[in-house]
C-alpha cells in the first residue's frame, strides 16, 4: 500500500517511528509532510490539507493509498483533513475504532496523537487500520451519504 504521512512539530518522533514500521511491513511512503525538526513550528491544518490533496490526486490516478496524520491528540488533524472533500479521516485511540473506520466508514486517513498514545499502541492501531477493508454492503449507502455532505 502507498502511504502519505504527515505531522506537525508535536508529533515528529511518532511520525518517524510509524514510518519505519510502515516500511518494515512492506508499504511505500510516497511523501512525508511537515517539519523535520520539532523547533520548526508547523500548523496542523496546513499539513492536513497538503497530505489530503496529495492523497486525493493518488486516488484520482487509481493508485490505492492511505494517509497517516499525527499531532498532539490527532483531533486537530482529523478536523482539518475532513474539511477536504473526499477525505474521510478519524482520530483513533484504540484498535477496534481503527478497524471500524475502515470497515464501516471507508476511511482513507487515520489520525493519531503522540501525546495520548504510546508508540506500541500507535503501531497496533495503525496495523488494525491497514489490515481492515471497507465492508461495502449496508455501509456503502452510508458512506455515499457522507460523501454527499461534501457538496
N, C-alpha and C. Protein backbone atom coordinates (compact mmCIF):
# COMPACT_ATOMS: atom_id res chain seq x y z
N UNK A 1 0.85 -1.18 0.00
CA UNK A 1 0.00 0.00 0.00
C UNK A 1 0.89 1.23 0.00
N UNK A 2 0.44 2.25 -0.72
CA UNK A 2 1.12 3.54 -0.72
C UNK A 2 0.60 4.37 0.45
N UNK A 3 1.49 5.08 1.11
CA UNK A 3 1.11 5.91 2.24
C UNK A 3 1.63 7.32 2.08
N UNK A 4 0.82 8.26 2.52
CA UNK A 4 1.21 9.64 2.70
C UNK A 4 1.21 9.85 4.21
N UNK A 5 2.29 10.41 4.74
CA UNK A 5 2.46 10.54 6.18
C UNK A 5 2.76 12.00 6.50
N UNK A 6 2.13 12.53 7.53
CA UNK A 6 2.38 13.90 7.91
C UNK A 6 2.20 14.14 9.39
N UNK A 7 2.91 15.14 9.89
CA UNK A 7 2.74 15.54 11.29
C UNK A 7 3.10 17.02 11.44
N UNK A 8 2.62 17.57 12.54
CA UNK A 8 3.09 18.89 12.92
C UNK A 8 4.35 18.70 13.78
N UNK A 9 4.85 19.78 14.35
CA UNK A 9 6.08 19.71 15.14
C UNK A 9 5.91 18.90 16.42
N UNK A 10 4.68 18.71 16.88
CA UNK A 10 4.42 18.00 18.13
C UNK A 10 4.39 16.49 18.00
N UNK A 11 4.58 15.96 16.80
CA UNK A 11 4.47 14.50 16.63
C UNK A 11 5.53 13.95 15.67
N UNK A 12 6.62 14.66 15.52
CA UNK A 12 7.68 14.19 14.61
C UNK A 12 8.23 12.84 15.05
N UNK A 13 8.44 12.67 16.34
CA UNK A 13 9.02 11.42 16.84
C UNK A 13 8.13 10.23 16.48
N UNK A 14 6.83 10.33 16.73
CA UNK A 14 5.93 9.23 16.40
C UNK A 14 5.82 9.05 14.88
N UNK A 15 5.86 10.15 14.13
CA UNK A 15 5.82 10.05 12.67
C UNK A 15 6.99 9.20 12.17
N UNK A 16 8.17 9.44 12.72
CA UNK A 16 9.35 8.69 12.31
C UNK A 16 9.23 7.22 12.72
N UNK A 17 8.75 6.96 13.94
CA UNK A 17 8.58 5.58 14.41
C UNK A 17 7.58 4.82 13.53
N UNK A 18 6.46 5.44 13.25
CA UNK A 18 5.42 4.75 12.46
C UNK A 18 5.83 4.63 11.00
N UNK A 19 6.57 5.60 10.49
CA UNK A 19 7.08 5.49 9.12
C UNK A 19 8.01 4.28 9.00
N UNK A 20 8.86 4.09 9.99
CA UNK A 20 9.76 2.93 9.99
C UNK A 20 8.96 1.63 10.04
N UNK A 21 7.89 1.61 10.83
CA UNK A 21 7.02 0.42 10.87
C UNK A 21 6.37 0.16 9.52
N UNK A 22 5.83 1.20 8.91
CA UNK A 22 5.20 1.04 7.59
C UNK A 22 6.18 0.43 6.59
N UNK A 23 7.39 0.94 6.57
CA UNK A 23 8.41 0.42 5.66
C UNK A 23 8.74 -1.04 5.99
N UNK A 24 8.83 -1.37 7.27
CA UNK A 24 9.16 -2.74 7.67
C UNK A 24 8.03 -3.71 7.31
N UNK A 25 6.82 -3.20 7.21
CA UNK A 25 5.68 -4.03 6.82
C UNK A 25 5.53 -4.12 5.30
N UNK A 26 6.42 -3.47 4.57
CA UNK A 26 6.42 -3.56 3.11
C UNK A 26 5.60 -2.50 2.40
N UNK A 27 5.20 -1.47 3.12
CA UNK A 27 4.44 -0.38 2.50
C UNK A 27 5.40 0.68 1.97
N UNK A 28 4.91 1.47 1.03
CA UNK A 28 5.72 2.55 0.45
C UNK A 28 5.23 3.90 0.97
N UNK A 29 6.16 4.71 1.44
CA UNK A 29 5.81 6.07 1.83
C UNK A 29 6.08 6.95 0.62
N UNK A 30 5.01 7.44 0.03
CA UNK A 30 5.10 8.24 -1.18
C UNK A 30 5.65 9.62 -0.87
N UNK A 31 5.13 10.20 0.21
CA UNK A 31 5.55 11.56 0.57
C UNK A 31 5.31 11.79 2.06
N UNK A 32 6.19 12.57 2.66
CA UNK A 32 6.08 12.94 4.06
C UNK A 32 5.86 14.45 4.14
N UNK A 33 4.93 14.85 4.99
CA UNK A 33 4.57 16.26 5.14
C UNK A 33 4.86 16.72 6.56
N UNK A 34 5.26 17.96 6.68
CA UNK A 34 5.53 18.55 7.99
C UNK A 34 7.00 18.77 8.21
N UNK A 35 7.32 19.38 9.33
CA UNK A 35 8.71 19.75 9.60
C UNK A 35 9.57 18.53 9.93
N UNK A 36 10.87 18.72 9.82
CA UNK A 36 11.81 17.66 10.18
C UNK A 36 12.43 17.90 11.54
N UNK A 37 12.20 19.07 12.09
CA UNK A 37 12.77 19.45 13.38
C UNK A 37 11.66 20.01 14.26
N UNK A 38 11.58 19.53 15.50
CA UNK A 38 10.50 19.97 16.39
C UNK A 38 10.58 21.46 16.74
N UNK A 39 11.73 22.08 16.49
CA UNK A 39 11.86 23.52 16.72
C UNK A 39 11.22 24.32 15.60
N UNK A 40 10.91 23.65 14.50
CA UNK A 40 10.29 24.29 13.33
C UNK A 40 8.77 24.14 13.46
N UNK A 41 8.11 25.19 13.89
CA UNK A 41 6.66 25.13 14.10
C UNK A 41 5.93 24.89 12.78
N UNK A 42 4.88 24.09 12.86
CA UNK A 42 4.03 23.81 11.69
C UNK A 42 2.58 23.80 12.15
N UNK A 43 1.73 24.41 11.39
CA UNK A 43 0.31 24.44 11.71
C UNK A 43 -0.36 23.19 11.15
N UNK A 44 -1.02 22.42 12.03
CA UNK A 44 -1.61 21.15 11.61
C UNK A 44 -2.63 21.29 10.48
N UNK A 45 -3.40 22.39 10.37
CA UNK A 45 -4.32 22.47 9.23
C UNK A 45 -3.58 22.48 7.88
N UNK A 46 -2.42 23.11 7.85
CA UNK A 46 -1.64 23.15 6.60
C UNK A 46 -1.13 21.76 6.23
N UNK A 47 -0.61 21.04 7.21
CA UNK A 47 -0.10 19.69 6.95
C UNK A 47 -1.24 18.77 6.52
N UNK A 48 -2.37 18.85 7.21
CA UNK A 48 -3.52 18.02 6.87
C UNK A 48 -4.02 18.30 5.46
N UNK A 49 -4.08 19.56 5.08
CA UNK A 49 -4.55 19.93 3.74
C UNK A 49 -3.59 19.44 2.67
N UNK A 50 -2.29 19.64 2.89
CA UNK A 50 -1.30 19.21 1.90
C UNK A 50 -1.36 17.70 1.69
N UNK A 51 -1.39 16.94 2.78
CA UNK A 51 -1.46 15.49 2.67
C UNK A 51 -2.76 15.06 1.99
N UNK A 52 -3.86 15.65 2.38
CA UNK A 52 -5.17 15.28 1.82
C UNK A 52 -5.23 15.50 0.32
N UNK A 53 -4.72 16.63 -0.14
CA UNK A 53 -4.73 16.91 -1.58
C UNK A 53 -3.85 15.92 -2.34
N UNK A 54 -2.70 15.59 -1.78
CA UNK A 54 -1.82 14.60 -2.42
C UNK A 54 -2.48 13.23 -2.47
N UNK A 55 -3.13 12.84 -1.39
CA UNK A 55 -3.82 11.55 -1.34
C UNK A 55 -4.93 11.49 -2.39
N UNK A 56 -5.69 12.54 -2.51
CA UNK A 56 -6.78 12.57 -3.49
C UNK A 56 -6.24 12.49 -4.92
N UNK A 57 -5.12 13.12 -5.20
CA UNK A 57 -4.51 13.00 -6.54
C UNK A 57 -4.11 11.57 -6.82
N UNK A 58 -3.62 10.88 -5.82
CA UNK A 58 -3.26 9.46 -5.96
C UNK A 58 -4.51 8.64 -6.27
N UNK A 59 -5.58 8.90 -5.54
CA UNK A 59 -6.84 8.17 -5.78
C UNK A 59 -7.37 8.45 -7.19
N UNK A 60 -7.26 9.70 -7.64
CA UNK A 60 -7.71 10.05 -9.00
C UNK A 60 -6.91 9.30 -10.05
N UNK A 61 -5.65 9.02 -9.75
CA UNK A 61 -4.78 8.27 -10.67
C UNK A 61 -4.95 6.76 -10.49
N UNK A 62 -5.91 6.36 -9.68
CA UNK A 62 -6.22 4.95 -9.41
C UNK A 62 -5.06 4.21 -8.77
N UNK A 63 -4.31 4.93 -7.93
CA UNK A 63 -3.23 4.33 -7.15
C UNK A 63 -3.73 4.23 -5.71
N UNK A 64 -4.00 3.02 -5.24
CA UNK A 64 -4.52 2.88 -3.88
C UNK A 64 -3.54 3.46 -2.86
N UNK A 65 -4.04 4.29 -1.98
CA UNK A 65 -3.19 4.92 -0.98
C UNK A 65 -4.01 5.25 0.26
N UNK A 66 -3.31 5.40 1.36
CA UNK A 66 -3.91 5.81 2.62
C UNK A 66 -3.07 6.93 3.21
N UNK A 67 -3.65 7.65 4.16
CA UNK A 67 -2.94 8.72 4.82
C UNK A 67 -2.82 8.48 6.31
N UNK A 68 -1.72 8.93 6.87
CA UNK A 68 -1.46 8.89 8.31
C UNK A 68 -1.08 10.30 8.74
N UNK A 69 -1.88 10.87 9.62
CA UNK A 69 -1.61 12.22 10.14
C UNK A 69 -1.44 12.15 11.65
N UNK A 70 -0.46 12.90 12.15
CA UNK A 70 -0.18 12.90 13.58
C UNK A 70 -0.01 14.31 14.10
N UNK A 71 -0.54 14.53 15.30
CA UNK A 71 -0.31 15.77 16.03
C UNK A 71 -0.35 15.40 17.50
N UNK A 72 -0.57 16.34 18.38
CA UNK A 72 -0.59 16.03 19.80
C UNK A 72 -1.67 15.04 20.18
N UNK A 73 -2.89 15.25 19.68
CA UNK A 73 -4.01 14.37 20.01
C UNK A 73 -4.59 13.63 18.81
N UNK A 74 -4.29 14.09 17.61
CA UNK A 74 -4.91 13.55 16.40
C UNK A 74 -6.19 14.27 16.03
N UNK A 75 -6.78 14.97 16.99
CA UNK A 75 -8.06 15.62 16.77
C UNK A 75 -7.97 16.78 15.78
N UNK A 76 -6.98 17.64 15.94
CA UNK A 76 -6.84 18.79 15.04
C UNK A 76 -6.60 18.35 13.60
N UNK A 77 -5.80 17.31 13.44
CA UNK A 77 -5.56 16.77 12.09
C UNK A 77 -6.84 16.22 11.49
N UNK A 78 -7.60 15.48 12.28
CA UNK A 78 -8.85 14.88 11.77
C UNK A 78 -9.85 15.96 11.38
N UNK A 79 -10.01 16.95 12.22
CA UNK A 79 -10.96 18.04 11.92
C UNK A 79 -10.53 18.74 10.63
N UNK A 80 -9.25 19.02 10.51
CA UNK A 80 -8.75 19.73 9.33
C UNK A 80 -8.87 18.88 8.07
N UNK A 81 -8.45 17.63 8.13
CA UNK A 81 -8.49 16.76 6.95
C UNK A 81 -9.93 16.57 6.47
N UNK A 82 -10.86 16.46 7.38
CA UNK A 82 -12.26 16.23 7.00
C UNK A 82 -12.90 17.43 6.32
N UNK A 83 -12.24 18.57 6.33
CA UNK A 83 -12.74 19.74 5.59
C UNK A 83 -12.48 19.60 4.09
N UNK A 84 -11.61 18.67 3.70
CA UNK A 84 -11.26 18.47 2.29
C UNK A 84 -12.21 17.45 1.70
N UNK A 85 -13.03 17.83 0.70
CA UNK A 85 -13.97 16.88 0.10
C UNK A 85 -13.25 15.64 -0.43
N UNK A 86 -13.78 14.48 -0.07
CA UNK A 86 -13.20 13.22 -0.49
C UNK A 86 -12.35 12.56 0.58
N UNK A 87 -12.06 13.29 1.64
CA UNK A 87 -11.29 12.72 2.75
C UNK A 87 -12.25 12.26 3.84
N UNK A 88 -11.99 11.07 4.32
CA UNK A 88 -12.73 10.53 5.46
C UNK A 88 -11.68 10.13 6.49
N UNK A 89 -11.48 11.01 7.46
CA UNK A 89 -10.43 10.84 8.47
C UNK A 89 -11.04 10.61 9.84
N UNK A 90 -10.34 9.83 10.63
CA UNK A 90 -10.78 9.61 12.00
C UNK A 90 -9.61 9.67 12.96
N UNK A 91 -9.82 10.35 14.08
CA UNK A 91 -8.84 10.35 15.17
C UNK A 91 -9.13 9.12 16.02
N UNK A 92 -8.15 8.28 16.17
CA UNK A 92 -8.35 6.97 16.78
C UNK A 92 -7.38 6.77 17.94
N UNK A 93 -7.87 6.15 19.02
CA UNK A 93 -7.02 5.86 20.17
C UNK A 93 -7.14 4.40 20.61
N UNK A 94 -7.80 3.57 19.77
CA UNK A 94 -7.92 2.15 20.09
C UNK A 94 -8.02 1.33 18.80
N UNK A 95 -7.66 0.06 18.90
CA UNK A 95 -7.61 -0.82 17.73
C UNK A 95 -8.99 -1.06 17.13
N UNK A 96 -10.01 -1.24 17.95
CA UNK A 96 -11.35 -1.50 17.44
C UNK A 96 -11.85 -0.35 16.56
N UNK A 97 -11.64 0.88 17.02
CA UNK A 97 -12.08 2.03 16.23
C UNK A 97 -11.31 2.13 14.91
N UNK A 98 -10.03 1.78 14.94
CA UNK A 98 -9.23 1.79 13.70
C UNK A 98 -9.82 0.81 12.68
N UNK A 99 -10.20 -0.35 13.15
CA UNK A 99 -10.82 -1.36 12.28
C UNK A 99 -12.16 -0.87 11.75
N UNK A 100 -12.96 -0.29 12.61
CA UNK A 100 -14.31 0.13 12.23
C UNK A 100 -14.31 1.31 11.26
N UNK A 101 -13.38 2.27 11.41
CA UNK A 101 -13.41 3.40 10.48
C UNK A 101 -13.06 2.96 9.07
N UNK A 102 -12.32 1.86 8.93
CA UNK A 102 -12.04 1.31 7.60
C UNK A 102 -13.24 0.48 7.12
N UNK A 103 -13.71 -0.45 7.96
CA UNK A 103 -14.75 -1.38 7.54
C UNK A 103 -16.10 -0.70 7.32
N UNK A 104 -16.47 0.23 8.17
CA UNK A 104 -17.80 0.84 8.10
C UNK A 104 -17.81 2.21 7.43
N UNK A 105 -16.73 2.98 7.56
CA UNK A 105 -16.72 4.35 7.05
C UNK A 105 -15.81 4.56 5.86
N UNK A 106 -15.11 3.52 5.45
CA UNK A 106 -14.18 3.59 4.32
C UNK A 106 -13.20 4.75 4.49
N UNK A 107 -12.69 4.91 5.71
CA UNK A 107 -11.74 5.99 6.00
C UNK A 107 -10.49 5.82 5.15
N UNK A 108 -9.98 6.94 4.65
CA UNK A 108 -8.74 6.90 3.89
C UNK A 108 -7.59 7.59 4.62
N UNK A 109 -7.87 8.13 5.80
CA UNK A 109 -6.84 8.77 6.62
C UNK A 109 -7.08 8.40 8.08
N UNK A 110 -6.01 8.00 8.75
CA UNK A 110 -6.07 7.78 10.19
C UNK A 110 -5.25 8.86 10.87
N UNK A 111 -5.76 9.37 11.98
CA UNK A 111 -5.11 10.45 12.72
C UNK A 111 -4.81 9.95 14.13
N UNK A 112 -3.56 10.09 14.54
CA UNK A 112 -3.12 9.62 15.84
C UNK A 112 -2.45 10.74 16.61
N UNK A 113 -2.45 10.62 17.93
CA UNK A 113 -1.87 11.65 18.79
C UNK A 113 -0.66 11.18 19.55
N UNK A 114 0.45 11.85 19.36
CA UNK A 114 1.68 11.48 20.06
C UNK A 114 1.56 11.69 21.57
N UNK A 115 0.79 12.67 21.99
CA UNK A 115 0.70 12.98 23.42
C UNK A 115 -0.29 12.07 24.15
N UNK A 116 -1.07 11.28 23.41
CA UNK A 116 -2.06 10.42 24.06
C UNK A 116 -1.83 8.93 23.83
N UNK A 117 -0.91 8.58 22.94
CA UNK A 117 -0.65 7.18 22.63
C UNK A 117 0.83 6.85 22.83
N UNK A 118 1.09 5.69 23.34
CA UNK A 118 2.45 5.18 23.34
C UNK A 118 2.77 4.62 21.97
N UNK A 119 4.03 4.45 21.69
CA UNK A 119 4.42 4.01 20.34
C UNK A 119 3.94 2.60 20.02
N UNK A 120 3.93 1.69 21.01
CA UNK A 120 3.46 0.33 20.74
C UNK A 120 1.98 0.32 20.40
N UNK A 121 1.19 1.04 21.18
CA UNK A 121 -0.25 1.10 20.91
C UNK A 121 -0.51 1.78 19.57
N UNK A 122 0.22 2.82 19.26
CA UNK A 122 0.05 3.50 17.97
C UNK A 122 0.35 2.54 16.82
N UNK A 123 1.38 1.72 16.95
CA UNK A 123 1.69 0.73 15.93
C UNK A 123 0.60 -0.30 15.77
N UNK A 124 0.03 -0.76 16.88
CA UNK A 124 -1.07 -1.73 16.84
C UNK A 124 -2.30 -1.12 16.16
N UNK A 125 -2.60 0.11 16.50
CA UNK A 125 -3.75 0.81 15.90
C UNK A 125 -3.55 0.96 14.40
N UNK A 126 -2.37 1.38 14.00
CA UNK A 126 -2.07 1.54 12.58
C UNK A 126 -2.19 0.20 11.86
N UNK A 127 -1.69 -0.87 12.46
CA UNK A 127 -1.77 -2.21 11.85
C UNK A 127 -3.24 -2.61 11.65
N UNK A 128 -4.08 -2.37 12.64
CA UNK A 128 -5.51 -2.71 12.52
C UNK A 128 -6.17 -1.91 11.40
N UNK A 129 -5.79 -0.65 11.27
CA UNK A 129 -6.33 0.20 10.21
C UNK A 129 -5.95 -0.37 8.84
N UNK A 130 -4.69 -0.71 8.68
CA UNK A 130 -4.20 -1.23 7.41
C UNK A 130 -4.82 -2.58 7.06
N UNK A 131 -4.93 -3.45 8.05
CA UNK A 131 -5.41 -4.81 7.81
C UNK A 131 -6.91 -4.89 7.57
N UNK A 132 -7.62 -3.82 7.80
CA UNK A 132 -9.07 -3.81 7.60
C UNK A 132 -9.41 -3.26 6.22
N UNK A 133 -10.53 -3.71 5.70
CA UNK A 133 -11.00 -3.25 4.39
C UNK A 133 -12.45 -2.81 4.50
N UNK A 134 -12.84 -1.94 3.61
CA UNK A 134 -14.22 -1.47 3.58
C UNK A 134 -15.15 -2.65 3.33
N UNK A 135 -16.18 -2.76 4.15
CA UNK A 135 -17.10 -3.88 4.06
C UNK A 135 -18.15 -3.74 2.99
N UNK A 136 -18.36 -2.53 2.48
CA UNK A 136 -19.39 -2.33 1.46
C UNK A 136 -20.77 -2.66 2.02
N UNK A 137 -21.61 -3.28 1.20
CA UNK A 137 -22.94 -3.68 1.66
C UNK A 137 -23.73 -2.51 2.23
N UNK A 138 -24.29 -2.72 3.40
CA UNK A 138 -25.13 -1.69 4.02
C UNK A 138 -24.34 -0.43 4.34
N UNK A 139 -23.03 -0.57 4.47
CA UNK A 139 -22.19 0.59 4.79
C UNK A 139 -21.96 1.49 3.57
N UNK A 140 -22.07 0.93 2.38
CA UNK A 140 -21.85 1.72 1.16
C UNK A 140 -22.86 2.85 1.05
N UNK A 141 -24.09 2.58 1.42
CA UNK A 141 -25.14 3.61 1.38
C UNK A 141 -24.81 4.75 2.34
N UNK A 142 -24.29 4.40 3.48
CA UNK A 142 -23.96 5.42 4.48
C UNK A 142 -22.74 6.24 4.06
N UNK A 143 -21.75 5.57 3.49
CA UNK A 143 -20.57 6.31 3.02
C UNK A 143 -20.97 7.23 1.87
N UNK A 144 -21.88 6.78 1.01
CA UNK A 144 -22.38 7.65 -0.06
C UNK A 144 -23.03 8.90 0.53
N UNK A 145 -23.77 8.73 1.63
CA UNK A 145 -24.39 9.88 2.29
C UNK A 145 -23.32 10.81 2.89
N UNK A 146 -22.26 10.24 3.44
CA UNK A 146 -21.15 11.05 3.94
C UNK A 146 -20.56 11.86 2.80
N UNK A 147 -20.33 11.20 1.67
CA UNK A 147 -19.73 11.88 0.51
C UNK A 147 -20.63 12.99 -0.01
N UNK A 148 -21.94 12.82 0.09
CA UNK A 148 -22.86 13.87 -0.35
C UNK A 148 -22.74 15.13 0.50
N UNK A 149 -22.29 14.98 1.73
CA UNK A 149 -22.10 16.14 2.60
C UNK A 149 -20.96 17.04 2.12
N UNK A 150 -20.11 16.50 1.22
CA UNK A 150 -19.02 17.29 0.65
C UNK A 150 -19.52 18.35 -0.31
N UNK A 151 -20.73 18.20 -0.80
CA UNK A 151 -21.24 19.08 -1.86
C UNK A 151 -22.11 20.19 -1.32
